[in-house]
Amino acid sequence: MAEKSNTNEDAAQTALMCQFCDQQNIKWKCVDCDILLCSSCKEKIHKKLKSADKHKILSIQDIGKNTSTAKRVNSNTVTVTISHLVLSTGAAVLDKENICQLFVSYIFLGIELHELETPFSLPKPKAEQPINFNYSKTFHVDMATNYPKRKYLAGMLLPDDPDGGRIRFTVVSEPSEDDDDGECEDIGIAFVSVRDILINHNDVIDHDVPIFDAKNEKEKIGALNVTVQCLSALEAIEKEMQIDGTF
């Protein structure tokens, strides 16, 4: 898989950096991946991504300059961004030669797992050096057309939620392309509590959450930088839960 960085339309009007090669000759945006591309990376890298032939590609000139509506956070949307991860000095995974490529997935809103993973894997970094995914997804959780997702979010606030009201992120090792017998392996897990977001009345913005060894949750192996914006939705849902029959 190839490297991808994800951003929003605001970045298209400011940094104008290709998110594969960091060059400033931006020409395209993939709407499905939500990434900016130069012409070279559009042809040589993006085409190799999953289902790339079905993705909608727009000329950067067609991207609207007014992004206030797109950026507005309201009670009907939730945004999750996986920015980057860092492996700690001494983490056992650093010395495992069979672990070469990493991607991140998470469990949320009852959505199929393959839809909530970074669309590519990146080479395992050296200790304390970040690898950047910049992968963001916005979910609609409105009552009218996305009731199951809104109900799922409400369920995360209940005492019997199996994950304790947390979004679970998993760092996964992907076998190399020439390893026909290799399988993906979970190497680390990290959590963000939506309950804490509601209690603290603050979204999680560019926060480094600890990554723990997948086989030993007491052993920290690194940090995952994430953003979870759902406070407005949670506050509205909390009020709705007081009304019998809403959920």
Protein backbone atom coordinates (compact mmCIF):
# COMPACT_ATOMS: atom_id res chain seq x y z
CA MET A 1 0.00 0.00 0.00
CA ALA A 2 1.07 3.61 -0.47
CA GLU A 3 1.26 6.49 1.95
CA LYS A 4 -1.70 8.78 2.32
CA SER A 5 -2.35 11.93 4.23
CA ASN A 6 -5.89 13.14 4.72
CA THR A 7 -7.06 16.68 5.16
CA ASN A 8 -10.04 18.91 4.49
CA GLU A 9 -10.89 21.51 1.93
CA ASP A 10 -9.52 24.27 4.12
CA ALA A 11 -6.06 22.75 3.73
CA ALA A 12 -6.59 22.82 0.01
CA GLN A 13 -6.75 26.58 0.20
CA THR A 14 -3.76 27.03 2.54
CA ALA A 15 -0.94 24.47 2.57
CA LEU A 16 -1.66 23.02 -0.88
CA MET A 17 0.65 20.08 -0.31
CA CYS A 18 0.35 16.74 -2.06
CA GLN A 19 -0.34 14.29 0.72
CA PHE A 20 1.70 11.52 -0.79
CA CYS A 21 4.90 13.37 -1.72
CA ASP A 22 4.53 16.75 0.10
CA GLN A 23 5.03 18.71 -3.11
CA GLN A 24 3.11 21.95 -3.63
CA ASN A 25 1.86 21.23 -7.14
CA ILE A 26 -1.64 20.20 -6.06
CA LYS A 27 -3.96 19.43 -8.96
CA TRP A 28 -6.56 16.97 -7.62
CA LYS A 29 -8.64 15.89 -4.65
CA CYS A 30 -10.05 12.40 -4.09
CA VAL A 31 -13.46 12.92 -2.50
CA ASP A 32 -13.66 9.33 -1.22
CA CYS A 33 -10.22 9.34 0.42
CA ASP A 34 -10.46 13.07 1.25
CA ILE A 35 -6.86 13.65 0.16
CA LEU A 36 -5.01 16.16 -2.02
CA LEU A 37 -2.87 14.93 -4.92
CA CYS A 38 -0.36 16.07 -7.47
CA SER A 39 -0.81 14.63 -10.97
CA SER A 40 2.08 12.20 -10.58
CA CYS A 41 0.85 10.65 -7.32
CA LYS A 42 -2.69 10.52 -8.67
CA GLU A 43 -1.48 8.17 -11.41
CA LYS A 44 1.33 6.29 -9.68
CA ILE A 45 0.05 5.89 -6.09
CA HIS A 46 -3.63 6.63 -5.70
CA LYS A 47 -4.64 4.16 -8.41
CA LYS A 48 -3.18 1.36 -6.26
CA LEU A 49 -5.46 2.08 -3.29
CA LYS A 50 -8.48 -0.04 -2.48
CA SER A 51 -11.36 0.45 -4.96
CA ALA A 52 -9.58 3.49 -6.41
CA ASP A 53 -11.29 2.97 -9.74
CA LYS A 54 -14.61 3.84 -8.08
CA HIS A 55 -13.34 6.98 -6.33
CA LYS A 56 -14.47 10.46 -7.33
CA ILE A 57 -11.55 12.70 -8.32
CA LEU A 58 -12.06 16.47 -8.58
CA SER A 59 -9.83 19.17 -9.97
CA ILE A 60 -8.58 21.39 -7.16
CA GLN A 61 -10.05 24.33 -9.03
CA ASP A 62 -13.51 22.86 -8.50
CA ILE A 63 -13.17 22.72 -4.73
CA GLY A 64 -15.28 25.43 -3.12
CA LYS A 65 -13.44 28.06 -1.12
CA ASN A 66 -16.16 28.49 1.47
CA THR A 67 -15.78 25.62 3.94
CA SER A 68 -17.70 27.00 6.89
CA THR A 69 -20.63 24.64 6.34
CA ALA A 70 -18.41 21.60 5.88
CA LYS A 71 -16.45 22.39 9.02
CA ARG A 72 -19.44 23.14 11.22
CA VAL A 73 -19.67 20.74 14.13
CA ASN A 74 -23.25 19.99 15.10
CA SER A 75 -25.37 17.50 16.95
CA ASN A 76 -25.82 15.34 13.86
CA THR A 77 -22.18 14.61 13.01
CA VAL A 78 -19.20 12.88 14.56
CA THR A 79 -15.65 13.19 13.20
CA VAL A 80 -12.79 10.82 13.96
CA THR A 81 -9.25 11.56 12.77
CA ILE A 82 -6.21 9.30 13.06
CA SER A 83 -3.30 11.68 12.70
CA HIS A 84 -0.10 9.79 13.46
CA LEU A 85 1.46 7.17 15.70
CA VAL A 86 4.78 6.83 17.49
CA LEU A 87 6.40 3.68 18.86
CA SER A 88 8.27 4.04 22.15
CA THR A 89 11.94 3.28 22.65
CA GLY A 90 12.25 -0.30 23.83
CA ALA A 91 8.91 -1.46 22.40
CA ALA A 92 9.27 -5.14 21.50
CA VAL A 93 7.57 -4.61 18.14
CA LEU A 94 10.55 -2.55 16.96
CA ASP A 95 12.78 -5.65 16.98
CA LYS A 96 10.35 -7.97 15.20
CA GLU A 97 11.54 -8.32 11.61
CA ASN A 98 8.26 -9.85 10.45
CA ILE A 99 6.43 -6.64 11.37
CA CYS A 100 7.15 -4.19 8.57
CA GLN A 101 3.95 -2.36 7.65
CA LEU A 102 1.35 -0.86 9.99
CA PHE A 103 -2.19 0.43 9.61
CA VAL A 104 -4.85 1.48 12.11
CA SER A 105 -8.49 0.42 12.40
CA TYR A 106 -11.20 1.15 14.94
CA ILE A 107 -14.61 -0.07 16.07
CA PHE A 108 -17.41 2.48 16.03
CA LEU A 109 -21.13 2.94 15.30
CA GLY A 110 -21.64 -0.66 14.22
CA ILE A 111 -19.87 0.00 10.93
CA GLU A 112 -18.03 -2.81 9.14
CA LEU A 113 -14.45 -2.96 10.37
CA HIS A 114 -12.89 -2.77 6.90
CA GLU A 115 -14.58 0.61 6.40
CA LEU A 116 -12.86 2.04 9.48
CA GLU A 117 -9.23 1.38 8.72
CA THR A 118 -6.62 3.59 7.17
CA PRO A 119 -6.71 2.84 3.42
CA PHE A 120 -3.02 1.96 3.36
CA SER A 121 -0.26 0.70 5.60
CA LEU A 122 2.99 2.53 6.29
CA PRO A 123 6.51 1.26 7.03
CA LYS A 124 7.16 0.60 10.70
CA PRO A 125 8.90 3.69 12.09
CA LYS A 126 12.02 3.90 14.17
CA ALA A 127 11.58 4.59 17.89
CA GLU A 128 10.05 7.98 18.72
CA GLN A 129 9.60 8.87 15.04
CA PRO A 130 6.00 9.42 13.89
CA ILE A 131 4.32 7.94 10.85
CA ASN A 132 1.51 10.10 9.52
CA PHE A 133 -1.86 8.72 8.43
CA ASN A 134 -3.95 11.91 8.64
CA TYR A 135 -7.04 9.80 8.01
CA SER A 136 -10.38 11.43 8.85
CA LYS A 137 -14.01 10.35 8.57
CA THR A 138 -17.17 12.27 9.40
CA PHE A 139 -20.23 10.23 10.33
CA HIS A 140 -23.82 11.42 10.14
CA VAL A 141 -25.80 10.41 13.22
CA ASP A 142 -29.02 12.33 12.68
CA MET A 143 -32.23 10.85 14.04
CA ALA A 144 -34.12 10.99 10.73
CA THR A 145 -31.84 9.02 8.40
CA ASN A 146 -29.13 7.52 10.66
CA TYR A 147 -31.09 6.35 13.69
CA PRO A 148 -29.08 3.08 14.18
CA LYS A 149 -25.82 5.06 14.44
CA ARG A 150 -27.38 7.55 16.86
CA LYS A 151 -28.73 4.68 18.94
CA TYR A 152 -25.28 3.07 18.95
CA LEU A 153 -23.76 6.32 20.24
CA ALA A 154 -26.46 6.51 22.93
CA GLY A 155 -25.65 2.95 23.94
CA MET A 156 -22.03 3.92 24.57
CA LEU A 157 -23.25 6.16 27.39
CA LEU A 158 -24.99 3.28 29.20
CA PRO A 159 -23.33 1.38 32.08
CA ASP A 160 -23.65 -1.97 30.28
CA ASP A 161 -21.81 -0.91 27.13
CA PRO A 162 -19.35 -3.77 26.43
CA ASP A 163 -16.49 -1.38 25.62
CA GLY A 164 -17.16 0.91 28.56
CA GLY A 165 -18.12 3.82 26.35
CA ARG A 166 -14.78 3.76 24.55
CA ILE A 167 -13.77 3.78 20.90
CA ARG A 168 -11.18 1.04 20.45
CA PHE A 169 -8.34 1.71 18.01
CA THR A 170 -6.13 -1.17 16.88
CA VAL A 171 -2.66 -0.93 15.38
CA VAL A 172 -2.31 -3.78 12.91
CA SER A 173 0.72 -5.32 11.22
CA GLU A 174 0.11 -6.09 7.54
CA PRO A 175 2.28 -8.72 5.84
CA SER A 176 4.43 -7.62 2.93
CA GLU A 177 3.15 -8.13 -0.63
CA ASP A 178 5.62 -10.95 -1.25
CA ASP A 179 4.51 -12.86 1.87
CA ASP A 180 1.71 -15.02 0.48
CA ASP A 181 1.21 -16.91 3.75
CA GLY A 182 1.36 -13.92 6.07
CA GLU A 183 -1.64 -12.70 8.04
CA CYS A 184 -2.53 -9.42 9.66
CA GLU A 185 -1.63 -9.27 13.34
CA ASP A 186 -2.92 -6.92 16.04
CA ILE A 187 0.06 -5.41 17.80
CA GLY A 188 -1.40 -2.57 19.83
CA ILE A 189 -4.64 -1.03 21.10
CA ALA A 190 -5.65 2.48 22.19
CA PHE A 191 -8.89 3.92 23.53
CA VAL A 192 -10.86 7.17 23.55
CA SER A 193 -13.78 7.44 25.96
CA VAL A 194 -16.85 9.24 24.61
CA ARG A 195 -18.16 9.28 28.18
CA ASP A 196 -15.17 11.36 29.24
CA ILE A 197 -15.82 13.73 26.33
CA LEU A 198 -19.34 14.30 27.66
CA ILE A 199 -18.28 14.54 31.31
CA ASN A 200 -15.43 16.96 30.58
CA HIS A 201 -17.45 18.91 27.99
CA ASN A 202 -14.48 18.82 25.64
CA ASP A 203 -13.85 17.07 22.36
CA VAL A 204 -10.59 15.18 22.01
CA ILE A 205 -8.45 17.30 19.70
CA ASP A 206 -4.98 16.19 18.55
CA HIS A 207 -4.59 14.10 21.68
CA ASP A 208 -1.86 11.50 22.17
CA VAL A 209 -3.51 8.41 23.62
CA PRO A 210 -1.32 5.55 24.81
CA ILE A 211 -0.96 2.44 22.69
CA PHE A 212 -0.80 -0.75 24.74
CA ASP A 213 0.54 -4.10 23.62
CA ALA A 214 -2.34 -6.13 22.16
CA LYS A 215 -1.28 -9.15 24.21
CA ASN A 216 -0.49 -7.24 27.40
CA GLU A 217 -2.66 -4.19 27.99
CA LYS A 218 -0.46 -3.10 30.88
CA GLU A 219 2.56 -2.56 28.60
CA LYS A 220 2.66 0.77 26.78
CA ILE A 221 4.36 0.58 23.38
CA GLY A 222 3.66 4.01 21.92
CA ALA A 223 1.11 6.76 21.36
CA LEU A 224 -1.60 7.39 18.79
CA ASN A 225 -2.55 10.98 17.97
CA VAL A 226 -6.29 11.21 17.37
CA THR A 227 -9.16 13.67 17.20
CA VAL A 228 -12.72 12.72 18.18
CA GLN A 229 -15.34 15.44 17.76
CA CYS A 230 -18.70 14.31 19.10
CA LEU A 231 -19.52 16.53 22.09
CA SER A 232 -22.43 18.31 20.42
CA ALA A 233 -23.98 15.00 19.38
CA LEU A 234 -23.48 13.50 22.85
CA GLU A 235 -25.07 16.47 24.59
CA ALA A 236 -28.12 16.24 22.33
CA ILE A 237 -28.34 12.47 22.76
CA GLU A 238 -28.08 12.76 26.55
CA LYS A 239 -31.20 14.94 26.53
CA GLU A 240 -32.99 12.59 24.14
CA MET A 241 -32.29 9.64 26.43
CA GLN A 242 -34.49 11.28 29.06
CA ILE A 243 -37.49 10.91 26.78
CA ASP A 244 -39.16 7.49 26.95
CA GLY A 245 -39.20 5.64 23.67
CA THR A 246 -36.49 7.68 21.94
CA PHE A 247 -34.02 4.81 21.95
